[in-house]
Amino acid sequence: MVIEMSIVTRPFVLDFAGAYLDAMPAFSEEIWADWERKKQEQFEGRWPKVQAVLAALESLEIYMVDVSPSNIAFVD
């Protein structure tokens, strides 16, 4: 698989440097729970939309763990 990136405007998903291909990273349940809690705080009410984006990527076997409001943005 190849991902082509260019200059973009909202909405966007950027920064695949922290992405895993083909398999989800093997972190403990405790680490995943802490990660999700932090992401819910960062995205607040948009967290369900972020989860949908992550699920779409996972359907392509792309597991993005470097998730922040600076690399996943929506149209306001």
N, C-alpha and C. Protein backbone atom coordinates (compact mmCIF):
# COMPACT_ATOMS: atom_id res chain seq x y z
N MET A 1 0.84 -1.18 0.00
CA MET A 1 0.00 0.00 0.00
C MET A 1 0.88 1.24 0.00
N VAL A 2 0.38 2.28 -0.62
CA VAL A 2 1.11 3.54 -0.70
C VAL A 2 0.16 4.66 -0.28
N ILE A 3 0.68 5.60 0.47
CA ILE A 3 -0.10 6.77 0.86
C ILE A 3 0.58 7.99 0.27
N GLU A 4 -0.15 8.74 -0.52
CA GLU A 4 0.37 9.96 -1.10
C GLU A 4 -0.13 11.13 -0.27
N MET A 5 0.77 12.03 0.08
CA MET A 5 0.37 13.17 0.90
C MET A 5 0.70 14.46 0.18
N SER A 6 -0.10 15.47 0.44
CA SER A 6 0.11 16.79 -0.15
C SER A 6 -0.43 17.85 0.81
N ILE A 7 -0.33 19.11 0.39
CA ILE A 7 -0.90 20.20 1.19
C ILE A 7 -2.41 20.06 1.16
N VAL A 8 -3.03 20.16 2.33
CA VAL A 8 -4.46 19.91 2.43
C VAL A 8 -5.16 21.01 3.22
N THR A 9 -6.47 21.03 3.09
CA THR A 9 -7.30 21.89 3.93
C THR A 9 -8.27 20.99 4.68
N ARG A 10 -8.94 21.53 5.68
CA ARG A 10 -9.90 20.76 6.47
C ARG A 10 -11.01 20.23 5.59
N PRO A 11 -11.50 19.07 5.86
CA PRO A 11 -11.10 18.08 6.85
C PRO A 11 -9.86 17.31 6.38
N PHE A 12 -9.07 16.83 7.35
CA PHE A 12 -7.88 16.06 6.99
C PHE A 12 -7.47 15.10 8.07
N VAL A 13 -6.68 14.11 7.64
CA VAL A 13 -5.99 13.19 8.54
C VAL A 13 -4.54 13.23 8.10
N LEU A 14 -3.66 13.62 9.00
CA LEU A 14 -2.24 13.79 8.69
C LEU A 14 -1.36 12.96 9.61
N ASP A 15 -0.10 12.94 9.28
CA ASP A 15 0.96 12.40 10.15
C ASP A 15 0.81 10.91 10.39
N PHE A 16 1.16 10.16 9.39
CA PHE A 16 1.10 8.71 9.50
C PHE A 16 2.42 8.12 9.99
N ALA A 17 3.31 8.97 10.51
CA ALA A 17 4.59 8.47 11.02
C ALA A 17 4.38 7.52 12.20
N GLY A 18 3.32 7.74 12.96
CA GLY A 18 3.02 6.88 14.10
C GLY A 18 2.02 5.80 13.78
N ALA A 19 1.85 5.48 12.49
CA ALA A 19 0.88 4.46 12.09
C ALA A 19 1.55 3.10 11.98
N TYR A 20 0.76 2.09 12.23
CA TYR A 20 1.20 0.70 12.07
C TYR A 20 0.41 0.10 10.92
N LEU A 21 1.05 -0.70 10.11
CA LEU A 21 0.39 -1.37 8.99
C LEU A 21 0.24 -2.85 9.28
N ASP A 22 -0.90 -3.39 8.88
CA ASP A 22 -1.20 -4.82 8.94
C ASP A 22 -1.54 -5.36 10.32
N ALA A 23 -1.08 -4.76 11.40
CA ALA A 23 -1.39 -5.28 12.73
C ALA A 23 -1.37 -4.15 13.76
N MET A 24 -2.32 -4.20 14.66
CA MET A 24 -2.38 -3.22 15.74
C MET A 24 -1.21 -3.44 16.70
N PRO A 25 -0.61 -2.38 17.22
CA PRO A 25 0.50 -2.56 18.16
C PRO A 25 0.04 -3.31 19.41
N ALA A 26 0.94 -4.07 19.98
CA ALA A 26 0.62 -4.92 21.13
C ALA A 26 0.87 -4.19 22.45
N PHE A 27 -0.01 -3.23 22.76
CA PHE A 27 0.05 -2.53 24.03
C PHE A 27 -0.90 -3.21 25.01
N SER A 28 -0.63 -3.07 26.28
CA SER A 28 -1.51 -3.68 27.29
C SER A 28 -2.86 -2.97 27.31
N GLU A 29 -3.86 -3.64 27.88
CA GLU A 29 -5.19 -3.05 28.01
C GLU A 29 -5.14 -1.76 28.82
N GLU A 30 -4.27 -1.73 29.82
CA GLU A 30 -4.12 -0.53 30.66
C GLU A 30 -3.61 0.65 29.84
N ILE A 31 -2.64 0.41 28.99
CA ILE A 31 -2.09 1.48 28.14
C ILE A 31 -3.15 1.96 27.17
N TRP A 32 -3.90 1.02 26.56
CA TRP A 32 -4.96 1.42 25.62
C TRP A 32 -6.03 2.24 26.34
N ALA A 33 -6.41 1.85 27.54
CA ALA A 33 -7.43 2.58 28.29
C ALA A 33 -6.96 4.00 28.61
N ASP A 34 -5.70 4.15 29.00
CA ASP A 34 -5.14 5.47 29.28
C ASP A 34 -5.08 6.30 28.00
N TRP A 35 -4.68 5.68 26.89
CA TRP A 35 -4.61 6.36 25.59
C TRP A 35 -6.00 6.88 25.22
N GLU A 36 -7.02 6.04 25.33
CA GLU A 36 -8.37 6.45 24.95
C GLU A 36 -8.89 7.57 25.84
N ARG A 37 -8.61 7.50 27.13
CA ARG A 37 -9.04 8.56 28.05
C ARG A 37 -8.42 9.90 27.64
N LYS A 38 -7.13 9.89 27.32
CA LYS A 38 -6.44 11.11 26.90
C LYS A 38 -7.01 11.65 25.59
N LYS A 39 -7.32 10.76 24.66
CA LYS A 39 -7.86 11.19 23.37
C LYS A 39 -9.27 11.76 23.54
N GLN A 40 -10.07 11.18 24.41
CA GLN A 40 -11.41 11.72 24.69
C GLN A 40 -11.30 13.13 25.23
N GLU A 41 -10.32 13.37 26.10
CA GLU A 41 -10.11 14.71 26.65
C GLU A 41 -9.68 15.68 25.56
N GLN A 42 -8.78 15.25 24.68
CA GLN A 42 -8.27 16.12 23.61
C GLN A 42 -9.36 16.51 22.61
N PHE A 43 -10.18 15.54 22.22
CA PHE A 43 -11.16 15.77 21.16
C PHE A 43 -12.54 16.15 21.68
N GLU A 44 -12.78 15.94 22.95
CA GLU A 44 -14.06 16.25 23.59
C GLU A 44 -15.23 15.68 22.79
N GLY A 45 -16.18 16.51 22.37
CA GLY A 45 -17.37 16.05 21.68
C GLY A 45 -17.13 15.46 20.30
N ARG A 46 -15.95 15.67 19.75
CA ARG A 46 -15.63 15.13 18.43
C ARG A 46 -15.04 13.72 18.50
N TRP A 47 -14.84 13.20 19.68
CA TRP A 47 -14.23 11.87 19.81
C TRP A 47 -14.98 10.80 19.02
N PRO A 48 -16.32 10.76 19.01
CA PRO A 48 -17.01 9.74 18.20
C PRO A 48 -16.65 9.84 16.71
N LYS A 49 -16.50 11.06 16.19
CA LYS A 49 -16.10 11.22 14.79
C LYS A 49 -14.68 10.70 14.57
N VAL A 50 -13.81 10.96 15.53
CA VAL A 50 -12.43 10.47 15.43
C VAL A 50 -12.43 8.95 15.44
N GLN A 51 -13.24 8.36 16.30
CA GLN A 51 -13.34 6.90 16.34
C GLN A 51 -13.79 6.34 14.99
N ALA A 52 -14.71 7.03 14.33
CA ALA A 52 -15.18 6.59 13.01
C ALA A 52 -14.04 6.67 11.98
N VAL A 53 -13.25 7.73 12.05
CA VAL A 53 -12.09 7.85 11.14
C VAL A 53 -11.10 6.72 11.41
N LEU A 54 -10.82 6.47 12.67
CA LEU A 54 -9.87 5.40 13.01
C LEU A 54 -10.40 4.04 12.56
N ALA A 55 -11.70 3.81 12.69
CA ALA A 55 -12.29 2.54 12.24
C ALA A 55 -12.16 2.40 10.73
N ALA A 56 -12.35 3.49 10.00
CA ALA A 56 -12.20 3.44 8.54
C ALA A 56 -10.76 3.10 8.16
N LEU A 57 -9.81 3.70 8.85
CA LEU A 57 -8.40 3.38 8.59
C LEU A 57 -8.10 1.93 8.93
N GLU A 58 -8.64 1.47 10.05
CA GLU A 58 -8.40 0.09 10.47
C GLU A 58 -8.98 -0.91 9.47
N SER A 59 -10.06 -0.54 8.79
CA SER A 59 -10.62 -1.43 7.77
C SER A 59 -9.64 -1.61 6.61
N LEU A 60 -8.68 -0.69 6.49
CA LEU A 60 -7.61 -0.78 5.48
C LEU A 60 -6.32 -1.32 6.09
N GLU A 61 -6.41 -1.80 7.33
CA GLU A 61 -5.28 -2.31 8.09
C GLU A 61 -4.21 -1.23 8.34
N ILE A 62 -4.69 -0.01 8.62
CA ILE A 62 -3.84 1.10 9.04
C ILE A 62 -4.25 1.43 10.46
N TYR A 63 -3.33 1.32 11.39
CA TYR A 63 -3.60 1.54 12.80
C TYR A 63 -2.84 2.78 13.25
N MET A 64 -3.56 3.88 13.40
CA MET A 64 -2.96 5.17 13.72
C MET A 64 -3.02 5.39 15.22
N VAL A 65 -1.86 5.53 15.85
CA VAL A 65 -1.84 5.75 17.30
C VAL A 65 -1.42 7.17 17.66
N ASP A 66 -0.80 7.88 16.73
CA ASP A 66 -0.42 9.27 16.98
C ASP A 66 -1.58 10.16 16.57
N VAL A 67 -2.60 10.17 17.41
CA VAL A 67 -3.85 10.87 17.12
C VAL A 67 -3.92 12.13 17.97
N SER A 68 -4.08 13.28 17.33
CA SER A 68 -4.23 14.53 18.06
C SER A 68 -5.06 15.50 17.21
N PRO A 69 -5.58 16.56 17.81
CA PRO A 69 -6.34 17.54 17.03
C PRO A 69 -5.51 18.22 15.93
N SER A 70 -4.20 18.15 16.01
CA SER A 70 -3.38 18.75 14.95
C SER A 70 -3.23 17.84 13.74
N ASN A 71 -3.55 16.54 13.88
CA ASN A 71 -3.43 15.68 12.71
C ASN A 71 -4.74 15.01 12.29
N ILE A 72 -5.81 15.27 13.01
CA ILE A 72 -7.15 14.89 12.56
C ILE A 72 -8.02 16.12 12.80
N ALA A 73 -8.48 16.75 11.72
CA ALA A 73 -9.27 17.97 11.85
C ALA A 73 -10.52 17.88 11.00
N PHE A 74 -11.57 18.48 11.48
CA PHE A 74 -12.86 18.46 10.81
C PHE A 74 -13.23 19.86 10.36
N VAL A 75 -14.18 19.96 9.45
CA VAL A 75 -14.73 21.25 9.06
C VAL A 75 -15.61 21.74 10.20
N ASP A 76 -15.43 22.97 10.60
CA ASP A 76 -16.24 23.52 11.70
C ASP A 76 -17.61 23.91 11.23
